[in-house]
Amino acid sequence: MLATPALAFDGSPVNQPPIAPPGVKKTVAVPATPQDSSLTALQYAAEGGHPLAQWKLGRMYADGDGVARNDVMAFDYFQRIASHHAEDSPNAPQSAVVANAFVALGRYYLSGIPNSKVKSDPERAREMLYYAASYFGNADAQYDLARLYLKGVDATPNEVAVGLRWMGQAARKGQHLAQAQLGEMLFNGDRMRPQRARGLMFLALACEGAMPDEAWIKENYNRAVAISTEDERAMAVKYVEQWVQGRRE
């Protein structure tokens, strides 16, 4: 297997005993009886406590996919998943859905939902993201958590160290946004010593996962390549080859 990159912020995923964030209580879902023949099978399954159905409906309402967008409804479905499955094993079949629900809730708490009871609560958001990042090892949560710690120029040295550790974990799991940001930080020596070849590696990997509307990732990569040395580019190629080989093993 590919050895973990020797970065100053190297850390191991933390699978601690499940201690759900305050306010998330373990409850037993009570299957609902359909009272309206127009209820879809998906809605019925969600009301019966099936987390995958709840997740799908939550995403539909969050994205306005096939239904009118309703963030309050989406929040409610994600909250049901978190309440009923917070203590599920990270190895359980539905663990990815549960972790993603915590991430969705964390993001809602960051921004709040206008004209609703869900107000912006950064600390609550941090709790939700930390739980998904540490207990479930969710890469999106690790990336979001890293951004919270690194946000702003007034971050303390300890906050920067914690943020870099989470960013590194997310990047090594293939989260392309984390790879893009970490790559830039490494290449530019942003709040760490420069590791330009390693930065180029992460920027190159980020380009592979970039979405069509994320042209900035390729632009940042091209900019870094243009000002890098031949030796740095050659070393970056070796790092990428090691990364690819390690993912295959």
C-alpha atoms as a PDB file:
ATOM      1  CA  MET A   1       0.000   0.000   0.000  1.00  0.00           C
ATOM      2  CA  LEU A   2       1.108   3.575  -0.619  1.00  0.00           C
ATOM      3  CA  ALA A   3       2.570   5.120   2.502  1.00  0.00           C
ATOM      4  CA  THR A   4       0.770   8.150   3.836  1.00  0.00           C
ATOM      5  CA  PRO A   5       2.457  11.323   2.499  1.00  0.00           C
ATOM      6  CA  ALA A   6       4.982  12.623   5.011  1.00  0.00           C
ATOM      7  CA  LEU A   7       3.206  15.846   5.788  1.00  0.00           C
ATOM      8  CA  ALA A   8       3.599  17.805   8.968  1.00  0.00           C
ATOM      9  CA  PHE A   9      -0.127  17.524   9.615  1.00  0.00           C
ATOM     10  CA  ASP A  10      -0.286  13.756   9.203  1.00  0.00           C
ATOM     11  CA  GLY A  11      -2.952  12.095  11.352  1.00  0.00           C
ATOM     12  CA  SER A  12      -5.037   8.966  11.542  1.00  0.00           C
ATOM     13  CA  PRO A  13      -8.826   8.783  11.256  1.00  0.00           C
ATOM     14  CA  VAL A  14     -10.441   8.713  14.663  1.00  0.00           C
ATOM     15  CA  ASN A  15     -13.093   6.077  15.222  1.00  0.00           C
ATOM     16  CA  GLN A  16     -14.057   6.885  18.756  1.00  0.00           C
ATOM     17  CA  PRO A  17     -16.933   5.306  20.665  1.00  0.00           C
ATOM     18  CA  PRO A  18     -20.175   6.826  19.410  1.00  0.00           C
ATOM     19  CA  ILE A  19     -21.051   9.935  21.379  1.00  0.00           C
ATOM     20  CA  ALA A  20     -23.668  11.775  19.390  1.00  0.00           C
ATOM     21  CA  PRO A  21     -23.681  15.583  19.390  1.00  0.00           C
ATOM     22  CA  PRO A  22     -25.902  17.098  22.084  1.00  0.00           C
ATOM     23  CA  GLY A  23     -29.522  17.137  21.054  1.00  0.00           C
ATOM     24  CA  VAL A  24     -29.274  14.098  18.796  1.00  0.00           C
ATOM     25  CA  LYS A  25     -31.040  11.364  20.714  1.00  0.00           C
ATOM     26  CA  LYS A  26     -31.350   7.744  19.784  1.00  0.00           C
ATOM     27  CA  THR A  27     -34.980   6.906  19.202  1.00  0.00           C
ATOM     28  CA  VAL A  28     -36.903   4.002  17.789  1.00  0.00           C
ATOM     29  CA  ALA A  29     -38.637   4.634  14.500  1.00  0.00           C
ATOM     30  CA  VAL A  30     -42.306   3.686  14.482  1.00  0.00           C
ATOM     31  CA  PRO A  31     -43.513   2.550  11.054  1.00  0.00           C
ATOM     32  CA  ALA A  32     -46.222   4.799   9.745  1.00  0.00           C
ATOM     33  CA  THR A  33     -49.427   3.605   8.149  1.00  0.00           C
ATOM     34  CA  PRO A  34     -50.235   5.218   4.828  1.00  0.00           C
ATOM     35  CA  GLN A  35     -53.362   7.338   5.104  1.00  0.00           C
ATOM     36  CA  ASP A  36     -53.329   8.611   1.561  1.00  0.00           C
ATOM     37  CA  SER A  37     -53.214   6.313  -1.445  1.00  0.00           C
ATOM     38  CA  SER A  38     -51.183   8.956  -3.298  1.00  0.00           C
ATOM     39  CA  LEU A  39     -48.177   8.445  -1.047  1.00  0.00           C
ATOM     40  CA  THR A  40     -45.325   7.057  -3.057  1.00  0.00           C
ATOM     41  CA  ALA A  41     -43.423   3.960  -2.050  1.00  0.00           C
ATOM     42  CA  LEU A  42     -40.441   6.179  -1.294  1.00  0.00           C
ATOM     43  CA  GLN A  43     -42.433   8.392   1.049  1.00  0.00           C
ATOM     44  CA  TYR A  44     -43.956   5.380   2.770  1.00  0.00           C
ATOM     45  CA  ALA A  45     -40.540   3.804   3.253  1.00  0.00           C
ATOM     46  CA  ALA A  46     -39.207   7.074   4.658  1.00  0.00           C
ATOM     47  CA  GLU A  47     -42.086   7.370   7.094  1.00  0.00           C
ATOM     48  CA  GLY A  48     -41.398   3.779   8.099  1.00  0.00           C
ATOM     49  CA  GLY A  49     -37.906   4.751   9.189  1.00  0.00           C
ATOM     50  CA  HIS A  50     -35.790   3.566   6.262  1.00  0.00           C
ATOM     51  CA  PRO A  51     -32.690   5.804   6.209  1.00  0.00           C
ATOM     52  CA  LEU A  52     -31.956   5.442   2.498  1.00  0.00           C
ATOM     53  CA  ALA A  53     -35.487   6.533   1.591  1.00  0.00           C
ATOM     54  CA  GLN A  54     -35.223   9.433   4.042  1.00  0.00           C
ATOM     55  CA  TRP A  55     -31.905  10.434   2.501  1.00  0.00           C
ATOM     56  CA  LYS A  56     -33.263  10.322  -1.043  1.00  0.00           C
ATOM     57  CA  LEU A  57     -36.274  12.435  -0.104  1.00  0.00           C
ATOM     58  CA  GLY A  58     -34.067  14.848   1.806  1.00  0.00           C
ATOM     59  CA  ARG A  59     -31.874  15.332  -1.242  1.00  0.00           C
ATOM     60  CA  MET A  60     -34.906  15.742  -3.490  1.00  0.00           C
ATOM     61  CA  TYR A  61     -36.275  18.543  -1.307  1.00  0.00           C
ATOM     62  CA  ALA A  62     -32.829  20.131  -0.888  1.00  0.00           C
ATOM     63  CA  ASP A  63     -32.205  20.143  -4.643  1.00  0.00           C
ATOM     64  CA  GLY A  64     -35.768  20.690  -5.865  1.00  0.00           C
ATOM     65  CA  ASP A  65     -35.449  17.431  -7.789  1.00  0.00           C
ATOM     66  CA  GLY A  66     -38.947  16.315  -8.820  1.00  0.00           C
ATOM     67  CA  VAL A  67     -40.501  18.316  -5.983  1.00  0.00           C
ATOM     68  CA  ALA A  68     -40.648  21.970  -5.021  1.00  0.00           C
ATOM     69  CA  ARG A  69     -37.483  22.883  -3.157  1.00  0.00           C
ATOM     70  CA  ASN A  70     -38.114  22.909   0.569  1.00  0.00           C
ATOM     71  CA  ASP A  71     -35.072  23.141   2.822  1.00  0.00           C
ATOM     72  CA  VAL A  72     -37.146  22.725   5.965  1.00  0.00           C
ATOM     73  CA  MET A  73     -38.485  19.396   4.698  1.00  0.00           C
ATOM     74  CA  ALA A  74     -34.977  18.359   3.680  1.00  0.00           C
ATOM     75  CA  PHE A  75     -33.627  19.295   7.106  1.00  0.00           C
ATOM     76  CA  ASP A  76     -36.384  17.261   8.755  1.00  0.00           C
ATOM     77  CA  TYR A  77     -35.522  14.117   6.804  1.00  0.00           C
ATOM     78  CA  PHE A  78     -31.809  14.492   7.541  1.00  0.00           C
ATOM     79  CA  GLN A  79     -32.600  15.085  11.210  1.00  0.00           C
ATOM     80  CA  ARG A  80     -34.596  11.845  11.360  1.00  0.00           C
ATOM     81  CA  ILE A  81     -31.616   9.910  10.063  1.00  0.00           C
ATOM     82  CA  ALA A  82     -29.266  11.523  12.581  1.00  0.00           C
ATOM     83  CA  SER A  83     -31.676  10.963  15.466  1.00  0.00           C
ATOM     84  CA  HIS A  84     -32.310   7.299  14.708  1.00  0.00           C
ATOM     85  CA  HIS A  85     -28.879   6.194  13.516  1.00  0.00           C
ATOM     86  CA  ALA A  86     -26.255   8.349  15.252  1.00  0.00           C
ATOM     87  CA  GLU A  87     -24.862   5.327  17.094  1.00  0.00           C
ATOM     88  CA  ASP A  88     -24.848   2.935  14.144  1.00  0.00           C
ATOM     89  CA  SER A  89     -21.533   1.225  13.481  1.00  0.00           C
ATOM     90  CA  PRO A  90     -19.271   3.025  10.983  1.00  0.00           C
ATOM     91  CA  ASN A  91     -19.154  -0.333   9.189  1.00  0.00           C
ATOM     92  CA  ALA A  92     -22.932  -0.691   8.931  1.00  0.00           C
ATOM     93  CA  PRO A  93     -24.399  -0.798   5.393  1.00  0.00           C
ATOM     94  CA  GLN A  94     -26.182   2.528   5.909  1.00  0.00           C
ATOM     95  CA  SER A  95     -23.214   4.310   7.523  1.00  0.00           C
ATOM     96  CA  ALA A  96     -22.475   6.448   4.443  1.00  0.00           C
ATOM     97  CA  VAL A  97     -26.065   7.698   4.398  1.00  0.00           C
ATOM     98  CA  VAL A  98     -25.943   8.506   8.111  1.00  0.00           C
ATOM     99  CA  ALA A  99     -22.636  10.350   7.766  1.00  0.00           C
ATOM    100  CA  ASN A 100     -23.940  12.327   4.799  1.00  0.00           C
ATOM    101  CA  ALA A 101     -27.015  13.304   6.809  1.00  0.00           C
ATOM    102  CA  PHE A 102     -24.776  14.763   9.524  1.00  0.00           C
ATOM    103  CA  VAL A 103     -22.842  16.672   6.848  1.00  0.00           C
ATOM    104  CA  ALA A 104     -26.072  18.050   5.384  1.00  0.00           C
ATOM    105  CA  LEU A 105     -27.251  19.126   8.836  1.00  0.00           C
ATOM    106  CA  GLY A 106     -23.898  20.753   9.540  1.00  0.00           C
ATOM    107  CA  ARG A 107     -24.136  22.780   6.359  1.00  0.00           C
ATOM    108  CA  TYR A 108     -27.682  23.870   7.171  1.00  0.00           C
ATOM    109  CA  TYR A 109     -26.540  24.999  10.618  1.00  0.00           C
ATOM    110  CA  LEU A 110     -23.726  26.988   9.019  1.00  0.00           C
ATOM    111  CA  SER A 111     -26.064  29.074   6.895  1.00  0.00           C
ATOM    112  CA  GLY A 112     -29.421  28.630   8.610  1.00  0.00           C
ATOM    113  CA  ILE A 113     -32.722  28.348   6.753  1.00  0.00           C
ATOM    114  CA  PRO A 114     -34.503  31.686   6.217  1.00  0.00           C
ATOM    115  CA  ASN A 115     -37.927  32.069   7.827  1.00  0.00           C
ATOM    116  CA  SER A 116     -37.593  28.859   9.820  1.00  0.00           C
ATOM    117  CA  LYS A 117     -36.571  27.592  13.238  1.00  0.00           C
ATOM    118  CA  VAL A 118     -33.185  26.541  11.812  1.00  0.00           C
ATOM    119  CA  LYS A 119     -30.912  29.475  12.610  1.00  0.00           C
ATOM    120  CA  SER A 120     -27.249  29.872  11.758  1.00  0.00           C
ATOM    121  CA  ASP A 121     -25.284  28.169  14.529  1.00  0.00           C
ATOM    122  CA  PRO A 122     -21.587  27.687  13.664  1.00  0.00           C
ATOM    123  CA  GLU A 123     -20.831  25.769  16.845  1.00  0.00           C
ATOM    124  CA  ARG A 124     -23.690  23.358  16.236  1.00  0.00           C
ATOM    125  CA  ALA A 125     -22.462  22.982  12.663  1.00  0.00           C
ATOM    126  CA  ARG A 126     -18.990  22.161  13.934  1.00  0.00           C
ATOM    127  CA  GLU A 127     -20.405  19.488  16.250  1.00  0.00           C
ATOM    128  CA  MET A 128     -22.299  17.824  13.405  1.00  0.00           C
ATOM    129  CA  LEU A 129     -19.329  17.908  11.046  1.00  0.00           C
ATOM    130  CA  TYR A 130     -16.920  16.689  13.716  1.00  0.00           C
ATOM    131  CA  TYR A 131     -19.121  13.700  14.464  1.00  0.00           C
ATOM    132  CA  ALA A 132     -19.303  12.709  10.788  1.00  0.00           C
ATOM    133  CA  ALA A 133     -15.583  13.355  10.304  1.00  0.00           C
ATOM    134  CA  SER A 134     -14.269  11.558  13.386  1.00  0.00           C
ATOM    135  CA  TYR A 135     -16.711   8.714  14.017  1.00  0.00           C
ATOM    136  CA  PHE A 136     -17.755   7.898  10.447  1.00  0.00           C
ATOM    137  CA  GLY A 137     -14.546   9.109   8.773  1.00  0.00           C
ATOM    138  CA  ASN A 138     -16.537  11.026   6.152  1.00  0.00           C
ATOM    139  CA  ALA A 139     -14.223  12.882   3.755  1.00  0.00           C
ATOM    140  CA  ASP A 140     -16.708  15.667   2.961  1.00  0.00           C
ATOM    141  CA  ALA A 141     -17.141  16.331   6.677  1.00  0.00           C
ATOM    142  CA  GLN A 142     -13.378  16.352   7.149  1.00  0.00           C
ATOM    143  CA  TYR A 143     -13.031  18.912   4.352  1.00  0.00           C
ATOM    144  CA  ASP A 144     -15.807  21.142   5.694  1.00  0.00           C
ATOM    145  CA  LEU A 145     -14.376  20.896   9.200  1.00  0.00           C
ATOM    146  CA  ALA A 146     -10.921  21.819   7.930  1.00  0.00           C
ATOM    147  CA  ARG A 147     -12.320  24.916   6.257  1.00  0.00           C
ATOM    148  CA  LEU A 148     -13.957  25.991   9.522  1.00  0.00           C
ATOM    149  CA  TYR A 149     -10.645  25.738  11.363  1.00  0.00           C
ATOM    150  CA  LEU A 150      -8.640  27.438   8.607  1.00  0.00           C
ATOM    151  CA  LYS A 151     -11.150  30.173   7.846  1.00  0.00           C
ATOM    152  CA  GLY A 152      -9.906  33.682   8.442  1.00  0.00           C
ATOM    153  CA  VAL A 153      -6.477  35.167   8.995  1.00  0.00           C
ATOM    154  CA  ASP A 154      -6.962  35.206  12.752  1.00  0.00           C
ATOM    155  CA  ALA A 155      -6.920  31.414  13.158  1.00  0.00           C
ATOM    156  CA  THR A 156      -4.673  30.380  16.026  1.00  0.00           C
ATOM    157  CA  PRO A 157      -1.664  28.104  15.404  1.00  0.00           C
ATOM    158  CA  ASN A 158      -3.561  25.249  17.039  1.00  0.00           C
ATOM    159  CA  GLU A 159      -6.603  25.829  14.823  1.00  0.00           C
ATOM    160  CA  VAL A 160      -4.381  25.866  11.750  1.00  0.00           C
ATOM    161  CA  ALA A 161      -2.743  22.595  12.802  1.00  0.00           C
ATOM    162  CA  VAL A 162      -6.109  20.926  13.382  1.00  0.00           C
ATOM    163  CA  GLY A 163      -7.480  22.285  10.121  1.00  0.00           C
ATOM    164  CA  LEU A 164      -4.493  21.008   8.154  1.00  0.00           C
ATOM    165  CA  ARG A 165      -4.823  17.577   9.733  1.00  0.00           C
ATOM    166  CA  TRP A 166      -8.458  17.305   8.652  1.00  0.00           C
ATOM    167  CA  MET A 167      -7.650  18.693   5.208  1.00  0.00           C
ATOM    168  CA  GLY A 168      -4.905  16.114   4.800  1.00  0.00           C
ATOM    169  CA  GLN A 169      -7.190  13.253   5.783  1.00  0.00           C
ATOM    170  CA  ALA A 170      -9.880  14.351   3.334  1.00  0.00           C
ATOM    171  CA  ALA A 171      -7.361  14.834   0.519  1.00  0.00           C
ATOM    172  CA  ARG A 172      -5.829  11.403   1.014  1.00  0.00           C
ATOM    173  CA  LYS A 173      -9.300   9.885   0.787  1.00  0.00           C
ATOM    174  CA  GLY A 174      -9.750  11.448  -2.643  1.00  0.00           C
ATOM    175  CA  GLN A 175     -11.927  14.451  -1.775  1.00  0.00           C
ATOM    176  CA  HIS A 176     -11.013  16.602  -4.767  1.00  0.00           C
ATOM    177  CA  LEU A 177     -11.836  19.976  -3.196  1.00  0.00           C
ATOM    178  CA  ALA A 178      -9.574  19.131  -0.269  1.00  0.00           C
ATOM    179  CA  GLN A 179      -6.883  18.047  -2.724  1.00  0.00           C
ATOM    180  CA  ALA A 180      -7.206  21.341  -4.587  1.00  0.00           C
ATOM    181  CA  GLN A 181      -6.955  23.488  -1.464  1.00  0.00           C
ATOM    182  CA  LEU A 182      -4.222  21.417   0.161  1.00  0.00           C
ATOM    183  CA  GLY A 183      -2.274  21.398  -3.093  1.00  0.00           C
ATOM    184  CA  GLU A 184      -2.341  25.175  -3.266  1.00  0.00           C
ATOM    185  CA  MET A 185      -1.328  25.530   0.362  1.00  0.00           C
ATOM    186  CA  LEU A 186       1.571  23.115  -0.042  1.00  0.00           C
ATOM    187  CA  PHE A 187       2.755  24.689  -3.290  1.00  0.00           C
ATOM    188  CA  ASN A 188       2.567  28.256  -1.977  1.00  0.00           C
ATOM    189  CA  GLY A 189       3.733  27.530   1.556  1.00  0.00           C
ATOM    190  CA  ASP A 190       0.501  28.924   2.961  1.00  0.00           C
ATOM    191  CA  ARG A 191       0.753  28.562   6.761  1.00  0.00           C
ATOM    192  CA  MET A 192       3.254  25.712   6.349  1.00  0.00           C
ATOM    193  CA  ARG A 193       6.650  25.144   4.806  1.00  0.00           C
ATOM    194  CA  PRO A 194       6.457  24.861   0.999  1.00  0.00           C
ATOM    195  CA  GLN A 195       6.349  21.379  -0.512  1.00  0.00           C
ATOM    196  CA  ARG A 196       5.912  22.354  -4.139  1.00  0.00           C
ATOM    197  CA  ALA A 197       6.167  18.916  -5.758  1.00  0.00           C
ATOM    198  CA  ARG A 198       3.687  17.490  -3.252  1.00  0.00           C
ATOM    199  CA  GLY A 199       1.426  20.449  -3.901  1.00  0.00           C
ATOM    200  CA  LEU A 200       1.560  19.823  -7.647  1.00  0.00           C
ATOM    201  CA  MET A 201       0.627  16.204  -7.015  1.00  0.00           C
ATOM    202  CA  PHE A 202      -2.510  17.129  -5.086  1.00  0.00           C
ATOM    203  CA  LEU A 203      -3.452  19.776  -7.652  1.00  0.00           C
ATOM    204  CA  ALA A 204      -3.102  17.213 -10.452  1.00  0.00           C
ATOM    205  CA  LEU A 205      -5.257  14.723  -8.548  1.00  0.00           C
ATOM    206  CA  ALA A 206      -7.852  17.419  -7.900  1.00  0.00           C
ATOM    207  CA  CYS A 207      -8.094  18.106 -11.632  1.00  0.00           C
ATOM    208  CA  GLU A 208      -9.087  14.485 -12.204  1.00  0.00           C
ATOM    209  CA  GLY A 209     -12.071  14.822  -9.865  1.00  0.00           C
ATOM    210  CA  ALA A 210     -13.076  18.375 -10.767  1.00  0.00           C
ATOM    211  CA  MET A 211     -16.642  18.986 -11.917  1.00  0.00           C
ATOM    212  CA  PRO A 212     -17.415  20.950 -15.124  1.00  0.00           C
ATOM    213  CA  ASP A 213     -18.214  24.097 -13.117  1.00  0.00           C
ATOM    214  CA  GLU A 214     -14.939  23.929 -11.180  1.00  0.00           C
ATOM    215  CA  ALA A 215     -12.623  25.346 -13.845  1.00  0.00           C
ATOM    216  CA  TRP A 216     -10.727  27.209 -11.122  1.00  0.00           C
ATOM    217  CA  ILE A 217      -9.082  23.935 -10.080  1.00  0.00           C
ATOM    218  CA  LYS A 218      -7.501  23.403 -13.502  1.00  0.00           C
ATOM    219  CA  GLU A 219      -6.570  27.088 -13.669  1.00  0.00           C
ATOM    220  CA  ASN A 220      -4.751  26.873 -10.343  1.00  0.00           C
ATOM    221  CA  TYR A 221      -2.967  23.727 -11.487  1.00  0.00           C
ATOM    222  CA  ASN A 222      -1.853  25.329 -14.754  1.00  0.00           C
ATOM    223  CA  ARG A 223      -0.636  28.401 -12.891  1.00  0.00           C
ATOM    224  CA  ALA A 224       1.410  26.259 -10.517  1.00  0.00           C
ATOM    225  CA  VAL A 225       2.892  24.208 -13.357  1.00  0.00           C
ATOM    226  CA  ALA A 226       3.914  27.386 -15.180  1.00  0.00           C
ATOM    227  CA  ILE A 227       6.043  28.628 -12.290  1.00  0.00           C
ATOM    228  CA  SER A 228       7.412  25.282 -11.100  1.00  0.00           C
ATOM    229  CA  THR A 229      10.838  23.921 -11.940  1.00  0.00           C
ATOM    230  CA  GLU A 230      11.531  20.900 -14.109  1.00  0.00           C
ATOM    231  CA  ASP A 231      12.715  18.955 -11.061  1.00  0.00           C
ATOM    232  CA  GLU A 232       9.529  19.809  -9.148  1.00  0.00           C
ATOM    233  CA  ARG A 233       7.372  18.646 -12.031  1.00  0.00           C
ATOM    234  CA  ALA A 234       9.337  15.419 -12.361  1.00  0.00           C
ATOM    235  CA  MET A 235       9.005  14.718  -8.647  1.00  0.00           C
ATOM    236  CA  ALA A 236       5.277  15.475  -8.802  1.00  0.00           C
ATOM    237  CA  VAL A 237       4.895  12.888 -11.563  1.00  0.00           C
ATOM    238  CA  LYS A 238       6.583  10.294  -9.332  1.00  0.00           C
ATOM    239  CA  TYR A 239       4.284  11.204  -6.451  1.00  0.00           C
ATOM    240  CA  VAL A 240       1.221  10.791  -8.670  1.00  0.00           C
ATOM    241  CA  GLU A 241       2.475   7.411  -9.900  1.00  0.00           C
ATOM    242  CA  GLN A 242       2.986   6.277  -6.302  1.00  0.00           C
ATOM    243  CA  TRP A 243      -0.500   7.507  -5.417  1.00  0.00           C
ATOM    244  CA  VAL A 244      -2.112   5.613  -8.297  1.00  0.00           C
ATOM    245  CA  GLN A 245      -0.161   2.455  -7.511  1.00  0.00           C
ATOM    246  CA  GLY A 246      -1.108   2.661  -3.860  1.00  0.00           C
ATOM    247  CA  ARG A 247      -4.813   2.959  -4.701  1.00  0.00           C
ATOM    248  CA  ARG A 248      -4.586  -0.193  -6.813  1.00  0.00           C
ATOM    249  CA  GLU A 249      -2.993  -2.328  -4.108  1.00  0.00           C
END
